[in-house]
C-alpha atoms as a PDB file:
ATOM      1  CA  MET A   1       0.080  -0.036   0.049  1.00  0.00           C
ATOM      2  CA  SER A   2       1.489   3.293  -0.523  1.00  0.00           C
ATOM      3  CA  ASP A   3       1.297   6.188   1.633  1.00  0.00           C
ATOM      4  CA  TYR A   4       0.170   8.614  -1.110  1.00  0.00           C
ATOM      5  CA  LEU A   5      -2.306   9.474  -3.793  1.00  0.00           C
ATOM      6  CA  ILE A   6      -2.587  11.300  -7.095  1.00  0.00           C
ATOM      7  CA  ASN A   7      -5.259  13.835  -7.332  1.00  0.00           C
ATOM      8  CA  THR A   8      -6.344  13.123 -10.837  1.00  0.00           C
ATOM      9  CA  GLN A   9      -9.781  15.315 -11.083  1.00  0.00           C
ATOM     10  CA  GLN A  10      -8.290  18.839 -10.210  1.00  0.00           C
ATOM     11  CA  ILE A  11      -5.443  20.708 -12.400  1.00  0.00           C
ATOM     12  CA  VAL A  12      -2.043  22.230 -10.853  1.00  0.00           C
ATOM     13  CA  CYS A  13      -0.684  25.014 -13.591  1.00  0.00           C
ATOM     14  CA  VAL A  14       2.971  26.138 -13.162  1.00  0.00           C
ATOM     15  CA  ALA A  15       3.281  29.321 -15.316  1.00  0.00           C
ATOM     16  CA  GLN A  16       6.705  30.950 -15.829  1.00  0.00           C
ATOM     17  CA  PHE A  17       7.773  33.539 -17.022  1.00  0.00           C
ATOM     18  CA  VAL A  18      11.060  35.500 -17.686  1.00  0.00           C
ATOM     19  CA  ALA A  19      10.697  39.068 -18.193  1.00  0.00           C
ATOM     20  CA  LYS A  20      12.947  40.867 -20.719  1.00  0.00           C
ATOM     21  CA  GLU A  21      15.873  43.034 -19.179  1.00  0.00           C
ATOM     22  CA  GLY A  22      13.885  45.906 -17.969  1.00  0.00           C
ATOM     23  CA  LYS A  23      10.440  44.799 -18.711  1.00  0.00           C
ATOM     24  CA  ARG A  24       9.669  43.346 -15.095  1.00  0.00           C
ATOM     25  CA  ASP A  25       7.472  45.618 -13.068  1.00  0.00           C
ATOM     26  CA  ALA A  26       5.501  46.367 -16.107  1.00  0.00           C
ATOM     27  CA  LEU A  27       5.475  41.970 -16.902  1.00  0.00           C
ATOM     28  CA  VAL A  28       3.749  42.133 -12.752  1.00  0.00           C
ATOM     29  CA  ALA A  29       1.369  45.171 -13.588  1.00  0.00           C
ATOM     30  CA  ALA A  30       0.108  42.913 -16.173  1.00  0.00           C
ATOM     31  CA  LEU A  31      -0.090  39.313 -14.665  1.00  0.00           C
ATOM     32  CA  ALA A  32      -1.768  41.282 -11.863  1.00  0.00           C
ATOM     33  CA  SER A  33      -4.272  42.625 -13.508  1.00  0.00           C
ATOM     34  CA  LEU A  34      -5.533  38.918 -13.855  1.00  0.00           C
ATOM     35  CA  VAL A  35      -5.461  37.853 -10.687  1.00  0.00           C
ATOM     36  CA  PRO A  36      -8.949  39.351  -9.263  1.00  0.00           C
ATOM     37  CA  ASP A  37     -11.366  38.099 -12.156  1.00  0.00           C
ATOM     38  CA  THR A  38      -9.606  34.311 -12.574  1.00  0.00           C
ATOM     39  CA  ARG A  39      -9.958  34.244  -8.348  1.00  0.00           C
ATOM     40  CA  ARG A  40     -13.941  34.582  -9.065  1.00  0.00           C
ATOM     41  CA  GLU A  41     -14.088  32.025 -11.863  1.00  0.00           C
ATOM     42  CA  LEU A  42     -16.193  28.474 -11.047  1.00  0.00           C
ATOM     43  CA  GLY A  43     -13.594  25.800 -10.666  1.00  0.00           C
ATOM     44  CA  CYS A  44     -10.519  28.251  -9.919  1.00  0.00           C
ATOM     45  CA  ILE A  45      -9.087  27.358  -6.226  1.00  0.00           C
ATOM     46  CA  ARG A  46      -5.966  28.752  -6.406  1.00  0.00           C
ATOM     47  CA  TYR A  47      -4.506  31.448  -8.667  1.00  0.00           C
ATOM     48  CA  GLU A  48      -0.915  33.218  -7.029  1.00  0.00           C
ATOM     49  CA  LEU A  49       1.213  35.094  -8.480  1.00  0.00           C
ATOM     50  CA  ASN A  50       5.017  34.798  -7.178  1.00  0.00           C
ATOM     51  CA  VAL A  51       8.438  37.157  -7.840  1.00  0.00           C
ATOM     52  CA  SER A  52      11.470  34.223  -7.776  1.00  0.00           C
ATOM     53  CA  VAL A  53      13.934  35.702  -4.845  1.00  0.00           C
ATOM     54  CA  ASP A  54      16.583  33.909  -6.885  1.00  0.00           C
ATOM     55  CA  ASP A  55      16.170  36.147 -10.014  1.00  0.00           C
ATOM     56  CA  GLU A  56      14.255  39.445 -10.179  1.00  0.00           C
ATOM     57  CA  ASN A  57      12.893  38.838 -13.840  1.00  0.00           C
ATOM     58  CA  LYS A  58      11.141  36.227 -12.929  1.00  0.00           C
ATOM     59  CA  VAL A  59       7.594  35.823 -12.038  1.00  0.00           C
ATOM     60  CA  ALA A  60       5.522  32.565 -11.624  1.00  0.00           C
ATOM     61  CA  PHE A  61       1.720  31.688 -11.730  1.00  0.00           C
ATOM     62  CA  VAL A  62       0.752  28.801  -9.256  1.00  0.00           C
ATOM     63  CA  GLU A  63      -3.109  28.041 -10.335  1.00  0.00           C
ATOM     64  CA  LYS A  64      -5.119  25.297  -9.526  1.00  0.00           C
ATOM     65  CA  PHE A  65      -8.419  24.237 -11.126  1.00  0.00           C
ATOM     66  CA  VAL A  66     -11.083  21.789 -10.151  1.00  0.00           C
ATOM     67  CA  ASP A  67     -10.584  19.926 -12.748  1.00  0.00           C
ATOM     68  CA  ARG A  68      -9.722  19.995 -16.540  1.00  0.00           C
ATOM     69  CA  ALA A  69     -13.225  21.509 -18.223  1.00  0.00           C
ATOM     70  CA  ALA A  70     -11.825  24.638 -15.621  1.00  0.00           C
ATOM     71  CA  PHE A  71      -8.462  24.677 -16.750  1.00  0.00           C
ATOM     72  CA  ASP A  72      -9.245  24.960 -20.496  1.00  0.00           C
ATOM     73  CA  LYS A  73     -11.812  27.600 -19.928  1.00  0.00           C
ATOM     74  CA  HIS A  74     -10.121  29.903 -17.840  1.00  0.00           C
ATOM     75  CA  CYS A  75      -7.445  29.384 -20.453  1.00  0.00           C
ATOM     76  CA  ALA A  76     -10.056  30.244 -23.466  1.00  0.00           C
ATOM     77  CA  LYS A  77     -11.417  33.539 -21.370  1.00  0.00           C
ATOM     78  CA  ASP A  78     -10.376  36.326 -23.469  1.00  0.00           C
ATOM     79  CA  ALA A  79      -8.478  38.435 -21.285  1.00  0.00           C
ATOM     80  CA  ILE A  80      -5.864  35.265 -20.880  1.00  0.00           C
ATOM     81  CA  GLU A  81      -5.599  35.159 -24.804  1.00  0.00           C
ATOM     82  CA  HIS A  82      -5.245  38.748 -25.521  1.00  0.00           C
ATOM     83  CA  TYR A  83      -2.308  38.710 -22.499  1.00  0.00           C
ATOM     84  CA  PHE A  84      -0.340  35.310 -24.894  1.00  0.00           C
ATOM     85  CA  HIS A  85      -0.979  37.201 -27.837  1.00  0.00           C
ATOM     86  CA  HIS A  86      -0.449  40.799 -27.526  1.00  0.00           C
ATOM     87  CA  VAL A  87       0.658  41.515 -24.034  1.00  0.00           C
ATOM     88  CA  MET A  88       3.392  39.093 -23.610  1.00  0.00           C
ATOM     89  CA  PRO A  89       5.734  39.265 -26.976  1.00  0.00           C
ATOM     90  CA  ASP A  90       6.387  43.014 -25.357  1.00  0.00           C
ATOM     91  CA  LEU A  91       7.461  42.002 -21.820  1.00  0.00           C
ATOM     92  CA  VAL A  92       8.625  38.455 -22.078  1.00  0.00           C
ATOM     93  CA  ALA A  93      11.695  36.996 -23.407  1.00  0.00           C
ATOM     94  CA  SER A  94      10.651  33.470 -22.356  1.00  0.00           C
ATOM     95  CA  HIS A  95       8.469  31.046 -20.332  1.00  0.00           C
ATOM     96  CA  HIS A  96       7.024  27.444 -19.799  1.00  0.00           C
ATOM     97  CA  VAL A  97       3.642  26.362 -18.450  1.00  0.00           C
ATOM     98  CA  GLU A  98       3.488  22.724 -17.187  1.00  0.00           C
ATOM     99  CA  VAL A  99       0.270  21.609 -15.765  1.00  0.00           C
ATOM    100  CA  PHE A 100       0.206  18.359 -12.863  1.00  0.00           C
ATOM    101  CA  ASN A 101      -2.021  16.071 -10.641  1.00  0.00           C
ATOM    102  CA  GLU A 102      -1.133  16.854  -7.203  1.00  0.00           C
ATOM    103  CA  VAL A 103       0.496  14.337  -5.034  1.00  0.00           C
ATOM    104  CA  ILE A 104      -1.369  13.951  -1.967  1.00  0.00           C
ATOM    105  CA  ALA A 105       0.620  12.033   1.079  1.00  0.00           C
END
């Protein structure tokens, strides 16, 4: 018997962005503007914006949604699409988005 379970229902997303030189504050402001509406979305459990303590240009969201459908609906929202297609190209040097299932120990 294992000492953990994998919650395959809920979705955890870690989205990391590295700001272009001199663009960190603008990136944080752009991402922070997404927080209030996202936290009110049906199915959003956690939506937290973080700035790295080791690299001042690295910013990351830690997100948790009740299921894949809620996460996919979030990703399809106009504000998220607008960020990725119109805002991010001016502010972000690189990014990495990964989706996980939580391990419950």
